[in-house]
Amino acid sequence: MSIIRMTLLCALLGLLPIAANSQPAPSQAEWINDLRLGGYVIVFRHGATSSDQASADPMSRPNVSAQRQLNEQGRAQAKSIGEQMRRLKIPVGLVLTSMTQRAVDTGTLLGFGEVTATPDLTESGPGISPDENNRRAQALRGFVTGGAPADNNLVIVSHKPNIIDAFGKDWLDVREGEASVFAPDGDGGYRLVVRIQPSEWSRLAQASD
């Protein structure tokens, strides 16, 4: 079986650990224990939304009614993820989100305290200049490579286009509510530790009890 096919199979199973330097990927117990120590960056795509709801004005927070919003599943999803992360004893010191309401709501419903919204994480796309799209991708990568304090983790909530622009075509399949856990290398780079689907957090918490 080719590496690409194996990667796709892992993605369908819900978890996608990757070792960028071809070293063995850490076990579930290892990376959860590492997250408990802090220093990691967890990048979420916002929670589930209604696909038939248009984003007529995705850049404007005041015009919330024109934005695609979290649906009931997305709101419950965010609450559950936050609960399971606390159950796993994963500390979060800072939550950064896009200015777009569905991202702000996702970050708020995770329940880790105050949320800081920034234009750097707001949705990229064809309606924005290539230079600005590139700037936002660089900003997202910068947050990841900058890391978090050793005793805490940084949570980021952004959008599919930003995640693809920042980290590459492997994220073309990134789902609403999905998390990508990154480990900064301290030298301006990072590695992907694992990708976690929203439904997987409960299983991870049960396995760790």
Protein backbone atom coordinates (compact mmCIF):
# COMPACT_ATOMS: atom_id res chain seq x y z
CA MET A 1 0.00 0.00 0.00
CA SER A 2 1.39 3.43 -0.95
CA ILE A 3 2.17 6.08 1.67
CA ILE A 4 -0.56 8.32 0.25
CA ARG A 5 -3.17 5.56 0.54
CA MET A 6 -2.05 4.75 4.07
CA THR A 7 -2.32 8.43 4.99
CA LEU A 8 -5.84 8.66 3.59
CA LEU A 9 -6.83 5.52 5.48
CA CYS A 10 -5.55 7.00 8.74
CA ALA A 11 -7.48 10.19 8.07
CA LEU A 12 -10.68 8.22 7.56
CA LEU A 13 -10.13 6.45 10.87
CA GLY A 14 -10.14 9.85 12.57
CA LEU A 15 -6.60 10.28 13.84
CA LEU A 16 -3.64 11.19 11.70
CA PRO A 17 -0.32 11.19 13.55
CA ILE A 18 2.57 12.34 11.40
CA ALA A 19 6.27 12.51 12.06
CA ALA A 20 7.70 15.05 9.65
CA ASN A 21 11.25 13.77 10.12
CA SER A 22 10.27 10.11 9.46
CA GLN A 23 10.81 9.14 13.10
CA PRO A 24 8.19 6.88 14.69
CA ALA A 25 5.02 8.78 15.60
CA PRO A 26 4.37 9.12 19.33
CA SER A 27 1.82 6.81 20.89
CA GLN A 28 -1.51 8.18 22.09
CA ALA A 29 -0.40 8.03 25.71
CA GLU A 30 2.86 9.84 24.88
CA TRP A 31 1.36 12.81 23.07
CA ILE A 32 -1.45 13.26 25.59
CA ASN A 33 1.10 13.28 28.39
CA ASP A 34 3.17 15.80 26.42
CA LEU A 35 0.12 18.04 25.97
CA ARG A 36 -0.42 17.98 29.72
CA LEU A 37 3.04 19.52 30.12
CA GLY A 38 2.22 22.38 27.71
CA GLY A 39 4.14 24.10 24.96
CA TYR A 40 1.93 22.91 22.09
CA VAL A 41 -0.37 24.72 19.66
CA ILE A 42 -3.79 23.23 18.89
CA VAL A 43 -5.32 24.62 15.70
CA PHE A 44 -9.06 24.07 15.28
CA ARG A 45 -11.24 24.64 12.30
CA HIS A 46 -14.43 26.22 13.66
CA GLY A 47 -17.27 23.90 14.65
CA ALA A 48 -20.07 22.51 12.49
CA THR A 49 -22.23 24.97 10.54
CA SER A 50 -25.28 24.85 8.30
CA SER A 51 -24.01 24.37 4.75
CA ASP A 52 -27.04 26.10 3.24
CA GLN A 53 -26.34 29.31 5.16
CA ALA A 54 -24.33 31.72 3.01
CA SER A 55 -21.46 33.85 4.25
CA ALA A 56 -22.55 37.05 2.56
CA ASP A 57 -20.24 39.18 4.68
CA PRO A 58 -17.71 36.88 6.37
CA MET A 59 -15.35 39.71 7.29
CA SER A 60 -17.76 41.76 9.37
CA ARG A 61 -18.42 40.87 13.00
CA PRO A 62 -21.11 43.57 13.43
CA ASN A 63 -23.11 42.06 10.56
CA VAL A 64 -23.41 38.71 12.32
CA SER A 65 -26.72 37.84 10.65
CA ALA A 66 -24.96 37.71 7.28
CA GLN A 67 -22.38 35.17 8.46
CA ARG A 68 -22.59 31.39 8.41
CA GLN A 69 -23.17 30.40 12.04
CA LEU A 70 -22.54 27.36 14.20
CA ASN A 71 -25.51 25.02 14.15
CA GLU A 72 -26.72 23.10 17.21
CA GLN A 73 -24.28 20.30 16.46
CA GLY A 74 -21.39 22.76 16.22
CA ARG A 75 -22.24 24.39 19.53
CA ALA A 76 -22.59 21.04 21.30
CA GLN A 77 -19.40 19.88 19.60
CA ALA A 78 -17.35 22.79 20.93
CA LYS A 79 -18.69 22.39 24.46
CA SER A 80 -17.96 18.66 24.43
CA ILE A 81 -14.41 19.10 23.11
CA GLY A 82 -13.62 21.59 25.87
CA GLU A 83 -15.07 19.27 28.50
CA GLN A 84 -13.05 16.30 27.24
CA MET A 85 -9.84 18.35 27.08
CA ARG A 86 -10.34 19.33 30.72
CA ARG A 87 -11.07 15.71 31.54
CA LEU A 88 -7.76 14.84 29.86
CA LYS A 89 -6.10 17.55 32.02
CA ILE A 90 -4.81 19.43 28.96
CA PRO A 91 -4.06 23.00 30.10
CA VAL A 92 -4.93 25.95 27.85
CA GLY A 93 -3.53 29.38 28.63
CA LEU A 94 -4.72 31.38 25.62
CA VAL A 95 -7.44 31.07 22.96
CA LEU A 96 -7.00 33.04 19.72
CA THR A 97 -9.76 33.10 17.12
CA SER A 98 -10.77 34.61 13.83
CA MET A 99 -12.93 37.72 13.97
CA THR A 100 -15.75 35.74 12.34
CA GLN A 101 -18.55 34.90 14.77
CA ARG A 102 -18.58 31.14 14.22
CA ALA A 103 -14.90 31.02 15.18
CA VAL A 104 -15.40 33.31 18.19
CA ASP A 105 -18.33 31.16 19.33
CA THR A 106 -16.30 27.97 18.92
CA GLY A 107 -13.47 29.39 21.01
CA THR A 108 -15.86 30.68 23.67
CA LEU A 109 -17.82 27.42 23.92
CA LEU A 110 -14.62 25.45 24.47
CA GLY A 111 -14.76 27.06 27.90
CA PHE A 112 -11.14 28.02 28.54
CA GLY A 113 -11.85 31.60 29.51
CA GLU A 114 -11.43 34.83 27.61
CA VAL A 115 -11.12 34.64 23.83
CA THR A 116 -8.95 37.01 21.81
CA ALA A 117 -10.17 37.59 18.24
CA THR A 118 -7.69 38.78 15.63
CA PRO A 119 -7.94 39.70 11.93
CA ASP A 120 -4.81 37.57 11.37
CA LEU A 121 -6.94 34.43 11.69
CA THR A 122 -10.06 35.65 9.87
CA GLU A 123 -11.12 33.66 6.83
CA SER A 124 -9.05 33.94 3.68
CA GLY A 125 -10.49 33.51 0.21
CA PRO A 126 -10.89 34.80 -3.34
CA GLY A 127 -12.54 38.01 -2.16
CA ILE A 128 -9.28 39.08 -0.50
CA SER A 129 -6.05 40.08 -2.20
CA PRO A 130 -3.39 37.39 -2.66
CA ASP A 131 -1.00 39.44 -0.55
CA GLU A 132 -3.48 39.55 2.35
CA ASN A 133 -4.24 35.83 2.04
CA ASN A 134 -0.51 35.15 2.16
CA ARG A 135 -0.08 37.45 5.15
CA ARG A 136 -2.76 35.57 7.06
CA ALA A 137 -1.16 32.22 6.23
CA GLN A 138 2.18 33.51 7.49
CA ALA A 139 0.51 34.86 10.62
CA LEU A 140 -1.06 31.47 11.39
CA ARG A 141 2.26 29.71 10.89
CA GLY A 142 3.87 32.36 13.09
CA PHE A 143 1.47 31.61 15.94
CA VAL A 144 2.33 27.91 15.60
CA THR A 145 6.09 28.33 15.42
CA GLY A 146 5.96 30.81 18.30
CA GLY A 147 4.56 28.09 20.51
CA ALA A 148 3.08 28.43 23.98
CA PRO A 149 4.44 28.63 27.52
CA ALA A 150 5.97 25.40 28.77
CA ASP A 151 3.17 24.88 31.28
CA ASN A 152 0.27 25.75 28.95
CA ASN A 153 -1.00 25.22 25.42
CA LEU A 154 -2.23 27.71 22.84
CA VAL A 155 -5.60 27.08 21.14
CA ILE A 156 -6.32 28.70 17.77
CA VAL A 157 -9.67 28.69 15.97
CA SER A 158 -9.57 29.60 12.29
CA HIS A 159 -10.90 28.48 8.90
CA LYS A 160 -10.24 25.86 6.24
CA PRO A 161 -8.67 28.24 3.67
CA ASN A 162 -6.27 29.66 6.26
CA ILE A 163 -5.28 26.20 7.47
CA ILE A 164 -4.63 24.96 3.93
CA ASP A 165 -2.66 28.09 3.02
CA ALA A 166 -0.57 27.81 6.19
CA PHE A 167 0.11 24.07 6.31
CA GLY A 168 -0.44 22.69 2.81
CA LYS A 169 -2.67 20.48 0.71
CA ASP A 170 -2.69 17.67 3.27
CA TRP A 171 -5.40 19.78 4.98
CA LEU A 172 -7.72 19.89 1.95
CA ASP A 173 -9.90 17.41 3.85
CA VAL A 174 -9.90 19.30 7.18
CA ARG A 175 -13.35 19.00 8.75
CA GLU A 176 -15.35 21.43 10.84
CA GLY A 177 -14.32 21.00 14.46
CA GLU A 178 -11.13 19.12 13.60
CA ALA A 179 -7.98 19.87 15.60
CA SER A 180 -4.36 19.72 14.44
CA VAL A 181 -1.81 19.54 17.25
CA PHE A 182 1.57 21.09 16.46
CA ALA A 183 4.85 20.98 18.34
CA PRO A 184 7.09 24.03 17.68
CA ASP A 185 10.72 23.01 17.30
CA GLY A 186 12.15 26.17 18.87
CA ASP A 187 14.03 26.98 15.67
CA GLY A 188 11.27 28.61 13.62
CA GLY A 189 9.70 25.33 12.53
CA TYR A 190 7.09 22.86 13.74
CA ARG A 191 5.90 19.30 13.35
CA LEU A 192 2.41 17.90 13.27
CA VAL A 193 1.80 15.57 16.19
CA VAL A 194 -1.73 14.41 15.47
CA ARG A 195 -5.02 15.40 13.85
CA ILE A 196 -8.11 14.80 15.97
CA GLN A 197 -11.69 14.64 14.73
CA PRO A 198 -14.29 16.23 17.05
CA SER A 199 -15.90 12.89 17.90
CA GLU A 200 -12.54 11.42 18.98
CA TRP A 201 -12.04 13.53 22.11
CA SER A 202 -14.55 11.52 24.13
CA ARG A 203 -12.87 8.22 23.23
CA LEU A 204 -9.45 9.65 24.11
CA ALA A 205 -10.75 10.79 27.51
CA GLN A 206 -12.32 7.40 28.21
CA ALA A 207 -9.09 5.62 27.28
CA SER A 208 -7.11 7.83 29.64
CA ASP A 209 -9.36 7.33 32.69
